[in-house]
N, C-alpha and C. Protein backbone atom coordinates (compact mmCIF):
# COMPACT_ATOMS: atom_id res chain seq x y z
N MET A 1 -2.57 -36.31 37.28
CA MET A 1 -1.21 -35.91 36.99
C MET A 1 -1.04 -34.46 37.41
N GLU A 2 0.09 -34.15 37.93
CA GLU A 2 0.38 -32.81 38.39
C GLU A 2 1.73 -32.38 37.81
N VAL A 3 1.75 -31.15 37.31
CA VAL A 3 3.00 -30.60 36.74
C VAL A 3 3.45 -29.46 37.63
N ARG A 4 4.71 -29.50 38.00
CA ARG A 4 5.26 -28.42 38.82
C ARG A 4 6.46 -27.83 38.11
N LEU A 5 6.53 -26.51 38.16
CA LEU A 5 7.67 -25.80 37.60
C LEU A 5 8.52 -25.26 38.73
N LEU A 6 9.77 -25.55 38.65
CA LEU A 6 10.68 -25.03 39.66
C LEU A 6 11.20 -23.67 39.21
N PRO A 7 11.41 -22.76 40.12
CA PRO A 7 11.85 -21.42 39.74
C PRO A 7 13.33 -21.33 39.38
N VAL A 8 14.00 -22.44 39.24
CA VAL A 8 15.42 -22.43 38.89
C VAL A 8 15.55 -21.95 37.45
N ASN A 9 16.32 -20.93 37.22
CA ASN A 9 16.57 -20.33 35.90
C ASN A 9 15.29 -19.80 35.23
N PHE A 10 14.23 -19.67 35.97
CA PHE A 10 13.00 -19.18 35.39
C PHE A 10 13.10 -17.70 35.00
N ASN A 11 13.75 -16.89 35.83
CA ASN A 11 13.87 -15.46 35.55
C ASN A 11 14.53 -15.19 34.22
N LYS A 12 15.61 -15.88 33.92
CA LYS A 12 16.31 -15.67 32.66
C LYS A 12 15.41 -16.03 31.47
N ALA A 13 14.75 -17.18 31.55
CA ALA A 13 13.87 -17.61 30.46
C ALA A 13 12.71 -16.62 30.30
N TYR A 14 12.15 -16.16 31.41
CA TYR A 14 11.04 -15.21 31.34
C TYR A 14 11.50 -13.87 30.76
N ASN A 15 12.65 -13.40 31.16
CA ASN A 15 13.18 -12.15 30.61
C ASN A 15 13.48 -12.28 29.12
N ASP A 16 13.99 -13.43 28.69
CA ASP A 16 14.21 -13.67 27.26
C ASP A 16 12.88 -13.63 26.50
N TYR A 17 11.86 -14.23 27.09
CA TYR A 17 10.54 -14.22 26.49
C TYR A 17 10.01 -12.79 26.37
N LEU A 18 10.12 -12.01 27.42
CA LEU A 18 9.65 -10.62 27.39
C LEU A 18 10.42 -9.81 26.36
N ALA A 19 11.73 -10.01 26.26
CA ALA A 19 12.53 -9.29 25.26
C ALA A 19 12.09 -9.65 23.85
N CYS A 20 11.74 -10.90 23.65
CA CYS A 20 11.28 -11.35 22.34
C CYS A 20 9.94 -10.72 21.99
N THR A 21 9.01 -10.69 22.92
CA THR A 21 7.69 -10.14 22.64
C THR A 21 7.72 -8.64 22.39
N THR A 22 8.69 -7.94 22.93
CA THR A 22 8.76 -6.49 22.68
C THR A 22 9.18 -6.19 21.25
N LYS A 23 9.77 -7.16 20.57
CA LYS A 23 10.19 -6.96 19.18
C LYS A 23 9.08 -7.26 18.19
N LEU A 24 7.96 -7.80 18.65
CA LEU A 24 6.86 -8.12 17.76
C LEU A 24 6.17 -6.84 17.29
N LEU A 25 5.64 -6.89 16.07
CA LEU A 25 4.87 -5.76 15.56
C LEU A 25 3.53 -5.69 16.28
N PRO A 26 2.99 -4.50 16.46
CA PRO A 26 1.71 -4.39 17.18
C PRO A 26 0.50 -4.84 16.37
N VAL A 27 0.68 -5.02 15.05
CA VAL A 27 -0.44 -5.42 14.18
C VAL A 27 0.05 -6.47 13.19
N ASN A 28 -0.92 -7.18 12.59
CA ASN A 28 -0.58 -8.07 11.49
C ASN A 28 -1.17 -7.51 10.21
N PHE A 29 -0.88 -8.14 9.08
CA PHE A 29 -1.30 -7.61 7.79
C PHE A 29 -2.82 -7.49 7.69
N ASP A 30 -3.54 -8.48 8.18
CA ASP A 30 -5.00 -8.43 8.09
C ASP A 30 -5.59 -7.25 8.85
N GLN A 31 -4.90 -6.80 9.88
CA GLN A 31 -5.40 -5.67 10.67
C GLN A 31 -5.19 -4.33 9.99
N ILE A 32 -4.25 -4.24 9.06
CA ILE A 32 -3.98 -2.95 8.43
C ILE A 32 -4.22 -2.92 6.93
N LYS A 33 -4.55 -4.04 6.32
CA LYS A 33 -4.66 -4.05 4.86
C LYS A 33 -5.77 -3.13 4.35
N ASN A 34 -6.78 -2.89 5.15
CA ASN A 34 -7.84 -1.93 4.82
C ASN A 34 -7.98 -0.99 6.01
N ALA A 35 -7.36 0.17 5.92
CA ALA A 35 -7.36 1.10 7.05
C ALA A 35 -8.06 2.40 6.66
N GLN A 36 -8.53 3.11 7.67
CA GLN A 36 -9.16 4.42 7.47
C GLN A 36 -8.54 5.43 8.40
N LEU A 37 -8.38 6.63 7.89
CA LEU A 37 -7.93 7.76 8.69
C LEU A 37 -9.02 8.81 8.65
N ALA A 38 -9.45 9.26 9.80
CA ALA A 38 -10.53 10.23 9.89
C ALA A 38 -9.97 11.66 9.84
N PHE A 39 -10.77 12.55 9.29
CA PHE A 39 -10.49 13.99 9.30
C PHE A 39 -11.73 14.65 9.90
N PRO A 40 -11.96 14.42 11.19
CA PRO A 40 -13.23 14.86 11.80
C PRO A 40 -13.42 16.37 11.83
N GLY A 41 -12.36 17.14 11.86
CA GLY A 41 -12.50 18.59 11.93
C GLY A 41 -12.81 19.24 10.60
N GLY A 42 -12.79 18.47 9.53
CA GLY A 42 -13.10 19.03 8.22
C GLY A 42 -11.91 19.56 7.48
N GLY A 43 -10.72 19.53 8.07
CA GLY A 43 -9.53 20.05 7.42
C GLY A 43 -8.82 19.00 6.58
N THR A 44 -7.57 19.33 6.25
CA THR A 44 -6.78 18.42 5.43
C THR A 44 -5.50 17.99 6.13
N ALA A 45 -5.26 18.48 7.32
CA ALA A 45 -4.04 18.12 8.05
C ALA A 45 -4.27 16.85 8.87
N LEU A 46 -3.24 16.04 8.95
CA LEU A 46 -3.32 14.83 9.77
C LEU A 46 -3.29 15.22 11.25
N ASP A 47 -4.17 14.65 12.03
CA ASP A 47 -4.15 14.90 13.47
C ASP A 47 -3.25 13.87 14.15
N GLU A 48 -3.12 13.97 15.46
CA GLU A 48 -2.24 13.06 16.22
C GLU A 48 -2.64 11.60 16.04
N MET A 49 -3.93 11.34 16.07
CA MET A 49 -4.38 9.96 15.94
C MET A 49 -4.07 9.42 14.54
N GLY A 50 -4.25 10.25 13.53
CA GLY A 50 -3.95 9.83 12.17
C GLY A 50 -2.47 9.54 11.98
N ARG A 51 -1.62 10.43 12.52
CA ARG A 51 -0.17 10.19 12.41
C ARG A 51 0.24 8.94 13.18
N ALA A 52 -0.36 8.70 14.33
CA ALA A 52 -0.04 7.49 15.10
C ALA A 52 -0.44 6.24 14.32
N ARG A 53 -1.58 6.29 13.68
CA ARG A 53 -2.03 5.14 12.87
C ARG A 53 -1.08 4.93 11.69
N LEU A 54 -0.66 6.02 11.05
CA LEU A 54 0.27 5.90 9.92
C LEU A 54 1.62 5.37 10.38
N GLU A 55 2.06 5.73 11.58
CA GLU A 55 3.34 5.22 12.10
C GLU A 55 3.28 3.71 12.29
N ILE A 56 2.16 3.20 12.77
CA ILE A 56 2.00 1.76 12.92
C ILE A 56 2.06 1.08 11.56
N ILE A 57 1.39 1.66 10.58
CA ILE A 57 1.41 1.09 9.23
C ILE A 57 2.82 1.16 8.64
N LEU A 58 3.52 2.28 8.85
CA LEU A 58 4.89 2.41 8.36
C LEU A 58 5.81 1.37 8.99
N ASP A 59 5.67 1.14 10.29
CA ASP A 59 6.48 0.11 10.95
C ASP A 59 6.25 -1.24 10.29
N TYR A 60 5.00 -1.54 9.99
CA TYR A 60 4.71 -2.82 9.35
C TYR A 60 5.31 -2.87 7.95
N LEU A 61 5.16 -1.79 7.18
CA LEU A 61 5.68 -1.76 5.81
C LEU A 61 7.19 -1.93 5.78
N LYS A 62 7.88 -1.37 6.76
CA LYS A 62 9.33 -1.50 6.81
C LYS A 62 9.73 -2.92 7.20
N ALA A 63 8.90 -3.59 8.00
CA ALA A 63 9.21 -4.96 8.43
C ALA A 63 8.82 -6.00 7.39
N ASP A 64 7.87 -5.66 6.51
CA ASP A 64 7.39 -6.62 5.50
C ASP A 64 7.47 -5.99 4.11
N PRO A 65 8.62 -6.10 3.45
CA PRO A 65 8.78 -5.48 2.14
C PRO A 65 7.94 -6.12 1.04
N SER A 66 7.27 -7.24 1.32
CA SER A 66 6.41 -7.85 0.30
C SER A 66 5.14 -7.03 0.07
N VAL A 67 4.79 -6.16 1.02
CA VAL A 67 3.65 -5.25 0.82
C VAL A 67 4.19 -4.09 0.00
N ASN A 68 3.83 -4.09 -1.28
CA ASN A 68 4.44 -3.14 -2.20
C ASN A 68 3.44 -2.34 -3.01
N HIS A 69 2.19 -2.31 -2.58
CA HIS A 69 1.19 -1.53 -3.30
C HIS A 69 0.22 -0.92 -2.28
N ILE A 70 0.07 0.40 -2.35
CA ILE A 70 -0.82 1.12 -1.43
C ILE A 70 -1.75 1.99 -2.25
N GLU A 71 -3.05 1.78 -2.07
CA GLU A 71 -4.04 2.63 -2.71
C GLU A 71 -4.56 3.61 -1.66
N ILE A 72 -4.45 4.89 -1.98
CA ILE A 72 -4.84 5.96 -1.07
C ILE A 72 -6.04 6.68 -1.69
N ASP A 73 -7.19 6.61 -1.03
CA ASP A 73 -8.41 7.22 -1.55
C ASP A 73 -8.93 8.29 -0.60
N GLY A 74 -9.04 9.52 -1.10
CA GLY A 74 -9.55 10.62 -0.30
C GLY A 74 -11.04 10.79 -0.49
N HIS A 75 -11.73 11.15 0.59
CA HIS A 75 -13.19 11.32 0.58
C HIS A 75 -13.57 12.57 1.36
N SER A 76 -14.78 13.06 1.11
CA SER A 76 -15.30 14.20 1.87
C SER A 76 -16.79 13.97 2.14
N ASP A 77 -17.35 14.87 2.94
CA ASP A 77 -18.80 14.83 3.14
C ASP A 77 -19.45 15.66 2.04
N ASN A 78 -20.76 15.90 2.14
CA ASN A 78 -21.44 16.65 1.08
C ASN A 78 -21.67 18.12 1.43
N ALA A 79 -21.06 18.60 2.51
CA ALA A 79 -21.19 20.02 2.85
C ALA A 79 -20.36 20.83 1.85
N GLY A 80 -20.89 21.91 1.36
CA GLY A 80 -20.17 22.71 0.37
C GLY A 80 -20.47 22.23 -1.04
N ASN A 81 -19.78 22.83 -2.01
CA ASN A 81 -20.04 22.43 -3.39
C ASN A 81 -19.14 21.29 -3.81
N ARG A 82 -19.48 20.65 -4.89
CA ARG A 82 -18.77 19.44 -5.33
C ARG A 82 -17.31 19.69 -5.67
N LEU A 83 -17.01 20.81 -6.28
CA LEU A 83 -15.61 21.10 -6.62
C LEU A 83 -14.76 21.28 -5.38
N THR A 84 -15.31 21.98 -4.40
CA THR A 84 -14.59 22.16 -3.13
C THR A 84 -14.39 20.82 -2.44
N ASN A 85 -15.41 19.99 -2.44
CA ASN A 85 -15.31 18.68 -1.80
C ASN A 85 -14.31 17.79 -2.51
N ARG A 86 -14.27 17.86 -3.82
CA ARG A 86 -13.29 17.07 -4.57
C ARG A 86 -11.88 17.54 -4.23
N ASP A 87 -11.69 18.84 -4.14
CA ASP A 87 -10.37 19.36 -3.79
C ASP A 87 -9.99 18.98 -2.36
N LEU A 88 -10.94 19.04 -1.43
CA LEU A 88 -10.67 18.61 -0.05
C LEU A 88 -10.24 17.15 -0.01
N SER A 89 -10.93 16.30 -0.75
CA SER A 89 -10.58 14.88 -0.74
C SER A 89 -9.19 14.67 -1.38
N ARG A 90 -8.86 15.47 -2.39
CA ARG A 90 -7.54 15.39 -3.01
C ARG A 90 -6.46 15.78 -2.02
N ARG A 91 -6.67 16.87 -1.29
CA ARG A 91 -5.68 17.35 -0.33
C ARG A 91 -5.52 16.40 0.85
N ARG A 92 -6.59 15.74 1.26
CA ARG A 92 -6.48 14.73 2.32
C ARG A 92 -5.66 13.53 1.85
N ALA A 93 -5.95 13.05 0.66
CA ALA A 93 -5.18 11.92 0.11
C ALA A 93 -3.72 12.32 -0.07
N LEU A 94 -3.49 13.55 -0.51
CA LEU A 94 -2.12 14.04 -0.71
C LEU A 94 -1.36 14.13 0.61
N ALA A 95 -2.05 14.49 1.69
CA ALA A 95 -1.41 14.56 3.00
C ALA A 95 -0.87 13.18 3.41
N VAL A 96 -1.65 12.13 3.16
CA VAL A 96 -1.21 10.77 3.48
C VAL A 96 -0.10 10.33 2.53
N PHE A 97 -0.27 10.61 1.24
CA PHE A 97 0.74 10.28 0.24
C PHE A 97 2.08 10.92 0.60
N ASP A 98 2.05 12.21 0.92
CA ASP A 98 3.29 12.92 1.28
C ASP A 98 3.90 12.38 2.57
N TYR A 99 3.08 11.99 3.51
CA TYR A 99 3.58 11.43 4.78
C TYR A 99 4.32 10.12 4.51
N PHE A 100 3.74 9.26 3.71
CA PHE A 100 4.41 8.00 3.36
C PHE A 100 5.70 8.28 2.59
N LYS A 101 5.62 9.19 1.64
CA LYS A 101 6.80 9.51 0.82
C LYS A 101 7.93 10.07 1.68
N ALA A 102 7.60 10.95 2.62
CA ALA A 102 8.61 11.54 3.50
C ALA A 102 9.22 10.50 4.43
N ASN A 103 8.53 9.39 4.63
CA ASN A 103 9.03 8.33 5.51
C ASN A 103 9.57 7.13 4.73
N GLY A 104 9.94 7.35 3.47
CA GLY A 104 10.68 6.34 2.71
C GLY A 104 9.88 5.38 1.86
N ILE A 105 8.59 5.56 1.73
CA ILE A 105 7.81 4.68 0.85
C ILE A 105 7.94 5.22 -0.57
N PRO A 106 8.39 4.39 -1.52
CA PRO A 106 8.56 4.88 -2.90
C PRO A 106 7.23 5.26 -3.54
N GLU A 107 7.27 6.32 -4.34
CA GLU A 107 6.07 6.76 -5.05
C GLU A 107 5.52 5.67 -5.94
N SER A 108 6.40 4.84 -6.49
CA SER A 108 5.97 3.78 -7.40
C SER A 108 5.11 2.73 -6.71
N HIS A 109 5.12 2.69 -5.37
CA HIS A 109 4.31 1.74 -4.63
C HIS A 109 2.94 2.30 -4.26
N MET A 110 2.70 3.57 -4.59
CA MET A 110 1.46 4.21 -4.16
C MET A 110 0.63 4.70 -5.34
N VAL A 111 -0.69 4.57 -5.17
CA VAL A 111 -1.65 5.11 -6.13
C VAL A 111 -2.58 6.01 -5.33
N MET A 112 -2.74 7.25 -5.78
CA MET A 112 -3.59 8.19 -5.05
C MET A 112 -4.81 8.54 -5.90
N ARG A 113 -5.98 8.48 -5.27
CA ARG A 113 -7.22 8.87 -5.94
C ARG A 113 -8.01 9.75 -4.97
N PHE A 114 -8.93 10.54 -5.51
CA PHE A 114 -9.78 11.36 -4.66
C PHE A 114 -11.17 11.38 -5.27
N HIS A 115 -12.18 11.29 -4.41
CA HIS A 115 -13.54 11.06 -4.89
C HIS A 115 -14.54 12.12 -4.46
N GLY A 116 -14.14 13.07 -3.64
CA GLY A 116 -15.09 14.06 -3.17
C GLY A 116 -16.16 13.38 -2.32
N GLU A 117 -17.41 13.69 -2.61
CA GLU A 117 -18.54 13.19 -1.80
C GLU A 117 -19.20 11.95 -2.43
N ARG A 118 -18.62 11.40 -3.47
CA ARG A 118 -19.28 10.33 -4.23
C ARG A 118 -19.51 9.03 -3.48
N TYR A 119 -18.66 8.64 -2.56
CA TYR A 119 -18.77 7.34 -1.89
C TYR A 119 -18.86 7.49 -0.38
N PRO A 120 -19.98 7.97 0.13
CA PRO A 120 -20.10 8.13 1.59
C PRO A 120 -20.21 6.76 2.28
N LEU A 121 -19.62 6.69 3.48
CA LEU A 121 -19.78 5.48 4.30
C LEU A 121 -21.19 5.39 4.85
N VAL A 122 -21.70 6.52 5.29
CA VAL A 122 -23.03 6.61 5.87
C VAL A 122 -23.72 7.83 5.26
N PRO A 123 -25.05 7.91 5.32
CA PRO A 123 -25.75 9.08 4.79
C PRO A 123 -25.28 10.36 5.49
N ASN A 124 -25.13 11.43 4.74
CA ASN A 124 -24.67 12.71 5.29
C ASN A 124 -25.83 13.45 5.95
N SER A 125 -26.58 12.76 6.78
CA SER A 125 -27.81 13.33 7.34
C SER A 125 -27.60 14.14 8.61
N ASN A 126 -26.44 13.98 9.28
CA ASN A 126 -26.18 14.77 10.48
C ASN A 126 -24.66 14.96 10.62
N GLU A 127 -24.25 15.77 11.58
CA GLU A 127 -22.84 16.11 11.74
C GLU A 127 -21.97 14.88 12.05
N ALA A 128 -22.48 13.98 12.88
CA ALA A 128 -21.70 12.78 13.23
C ALA A 128 -21.45 11.94 11.98
N ASN A 129 -22.43 11.79 11.12
CA ASN A 129 -22.25 11.03 9.89
C ASN A 129 -21.32 11.75 8.92
N ARG A 130 -21.46 13.06 8.82
CA ARG A 130 -20.56 13.81 7.92
C ARG A 130 -19.11 13.65 8.37
N ALA A 131 -18.88 13.62 9.69
CA ALA A 131 -17.51 13.43 10.20
C ALA A 131 -16.96 12.06 9.79
N LYS A 132 -17.81 11.03 9.76
CA LYS A 132 -17.37 9.70 9.34
C LYS A 132 -17.00 9.67 7.86
N ASN A 133 -17.62 10.51 7.07
CA ASN A 133 -17.36 10.53 5.63
C ASN A 133 -16.11 11.33 5.25
N ARG A 134 -15.60 12.14 6.14
CA ARG A 134 -14.36 12.89 5.90
C ARG A 134 -13.20 11.98 6.27
N ARG A 135 -12.65 11.29 5.27
CA ARG A 135 -11.69 10.24 5.57
C ARG A 135 -10.76 9.99 4.39
N VAL A 136 -9.71 9.24 4.68
CA VAL A 136 -8.84 8.65 3.65
C VAL A 136 -8.81 7.17 3.93
N THR A 137 -9.04 6.38 2.90
CA THR A 137 -8.96 4.93 3.06
C THR A 137 -7.67 4.43 2.43
N LEU A 138 -7.10 3.41 3.04
CA LEU A 138 -5.87 2.80 2.55
C LEU A 138 -6.14 1.34 2.26
N ALA A 139 -5.66 0.86 1.13
CA ALA A 139 -5.74 -0.55 0.78
C ALA A 139 -4.33 -1.01 0.46
N LEU A 140 -3.79 -1.89 1.29
CA LEU A 140 -2.44 -2.41 1.11
C LEU A 140 -2.52 -3.79 0.49
N SER A 141 -1.58 -4.07 -0.40
CA SER A 141 -1.57 -5.39 -1.03
C SER A 141 -0.16 -5.78 -1.41
N ARG A 142 -0.05 -7.05 -1.71
CA ARG A 142 1.21 -7.61 -2.17
C ARG A 142 1.03 -7.95 -3.64
N GLU A 143 1.69 -7.20 -4.49
CA GLU A 143 1.59 -7.46 -5.92
C GLU A 143 2.91 -8.03 -6.41
N ALA A 144 2.80 -9.00 -7.28
CA ALA A 144 4.01 -9.60 -7.84
C ALA A 144 4.73 -8.56 -8.67
N GLU A 145 6.03 -8.51 -8.46
CA GLU A 145 6.84 -7.59 -9.24
C GLU A 145 6.81 -8.04 -10.69
N ALA A 146 6.62 -7.12 -11.60
CA ALA A 146 6.62 -7.46 -13.03
C ALA A 146 8.05 -7.81 -13.43
N PRO A 147 8.21 -8.95 -14.11
CA PRO A 147 9.56 -9.28 -14.56
C PRO A 147 10.03 -8.29 -15.60
N PRO A 148 11.33 -8.05 -15.69
CA PRO A 148 11.80 -7.12 -16.71
C PRO A 148 11.44 -7.64 -18.09
N PRO A 149 11.15 -6.73 -19.03
CA PRO A 149 10.76 -7.19 -20.36
C PRO A 149 11.88 -8.02 -21.00
N ALA A 150 11.48 -9.13 -21.59
CA ALA A 150 12.46 -10.00 -22.23
C ALA A 150 12.95 -9.33 -23.50
N GLU A 151 14.24 -9.50 -23.75
CA GLU A 151 14.80 -8.93 -24.97
C GLU A 151 14.33 -9.77 -26.14
N ALA A 152 14.07 -9.11 -27.24
CA ALA A 152 13.65 -9.81 -28.45
C ALA A 152 14.83 -10.65 -28.94
N PRO A 153 14.55 -11.88 -29.35
CA PRO A 153 15.65 -12.71 -29.84
C PRO A 153 16.25 -12.10 -31.10
N ALA A 154 17.53 -12.28 -31.24
CA ALA A 154 18.21 -11.75 -32.42
C ALA A 154 17.69 -12.47 -33.65
N ALA A 155 17.64 -11.74 -34.75
CA ALA A 155 17.16 -12.34 -36.00
C ALA A 155 18.09 -13.48 -36.39
N ALA A 156 17.49 -14.56 -36.85
CA ALA A 156 18.29 -15.71 -37.27
C ALA A 156 19.04 -15.33 -38.54
N PRO A 157 20.31 -15.73 -38.62
CA PRO A 157 21.06 -15.40 -39.83
C PRO A 157 20.46 -16.13 -41.04
N ALA A 158 20.57 -15.50 -42.18
CA ALA A 158 20.07 -16.10 -43.42
C ALA A 158 20.88 -17.36 -43.71
N PRO A 159 20.20 -18.40 -44.18
CA PRO A 159 20.95 -19.62 -44.49
C PRO A 159 21.95 -19.38 -45.61
N ILE A 160 23.06 -20.06 -45.53
CA ILE A 160 24.09 -19.93 -46.55
C ILE A 160 23.84 -21.02 -47.59
N ILE A 161 23.67 -20.59 -48.81
CA ILE A 161 23.41 -21.53 -49.91
C ILE A 161 24.67 -21.61 -50.77
N PRO A 162 25.19 -22.81 -50.97
CA PRO A 162 26.38 -22.93 -51.82
C PRO A 162 26.10 -22.42 -53.24
N GLU A 163 27.13 -21.95 -53.92
CA GLU A 163 27.02 -21.37 -55.27
C GLU A 163 26.37 -22.35 -56.24
N ALA A 164 26.65 -23.59 -56.11
CA ALA A 164 26.09 -24.57 -57.04
C ALA A 164 24.57 -24.65 -56.88
N ASP A 165 24.09 -24.59 -55.64
CA ASP A 165 22.65 -24.66 -55.40
C ASP A 165 21.94 -23.39 -55.83
N LYS A 166 22.63 -22.25 -55.81
CA LYS A 166 22.01 -20.98 -56.23
C LYS A 166 21.64 -21.05 -57.70
N ALA A 167 22.46 -21.65 -58.47
CA ALA A 167 22.20 -21.75 -59.91
C ALA A 167 20.98 -22.62 -60.16
N THR A 168 20.83 -23.72 -59.41
CA THR A 168 19.67 -24.60 -59.63
C THR A 168 18.42 -23.98 -59.08
N GLN A 169 18.51 -23.16 -57.99
CA GLN A 169 17.32 -22.50 -57.45
C GLN A 169 16.80 -21.47 -58.43
N GLY A 170 17.70 -20.73 -59.07
CA GLY A 170 17.29 -19.72 -60.03
C GLY A 170 16.61 -20.36 -61.24
N ALA A 171 17.08 -21.51 -61.66
CA ALA A 171 16.50 -22.16 -62.82
C ALA A 171 15.14 -22.76 -62.47
N ALA A 172 14.94 -23.18 -61.20
CA ALA A 172 13.68 -23.81 -60.80
C ALA A 172 12.59 -22.77 -60.65
N SER A 173 12.92 -21.50 -60.36
CA SER A 173 11.89 -20.49 -60.15
C SER A 173 11.38 -20.10 -61.45
């Protein structure tokens, strides 16, 4: 069996197909649900690559409002003292938090934590490994919205007892 396609009206169909594919998101949820942003220079400012990665995630978040929970975890290497490293990890996480907030993500959808040097990806045995540990991790999820608290039912009215029954109830007690 042989199938042949004639070029009649093919250009229009192909252009429609190309127009459709340009509207697709560059990533799916599984590709961004656990993301990392590196801070290889040791600072707290987002670099070009980090901002580009966040822009892709923001595009997805705007297209899929069911993703309503973002955990932002800041990390550092073990160079320096623990208090400094904890503060560095806090400022890195805050940089991502502020970036999302400035781009319309509600604060109520985000949780920010910072861990300092406590959870390294790799041993801090050389500069390349320390660079891998200077990071912010993102965990995106879809959490069910909590239903509004139900109002307490109104107290049931006291039963009405006819006067004749009140007299017999008092005598029975």
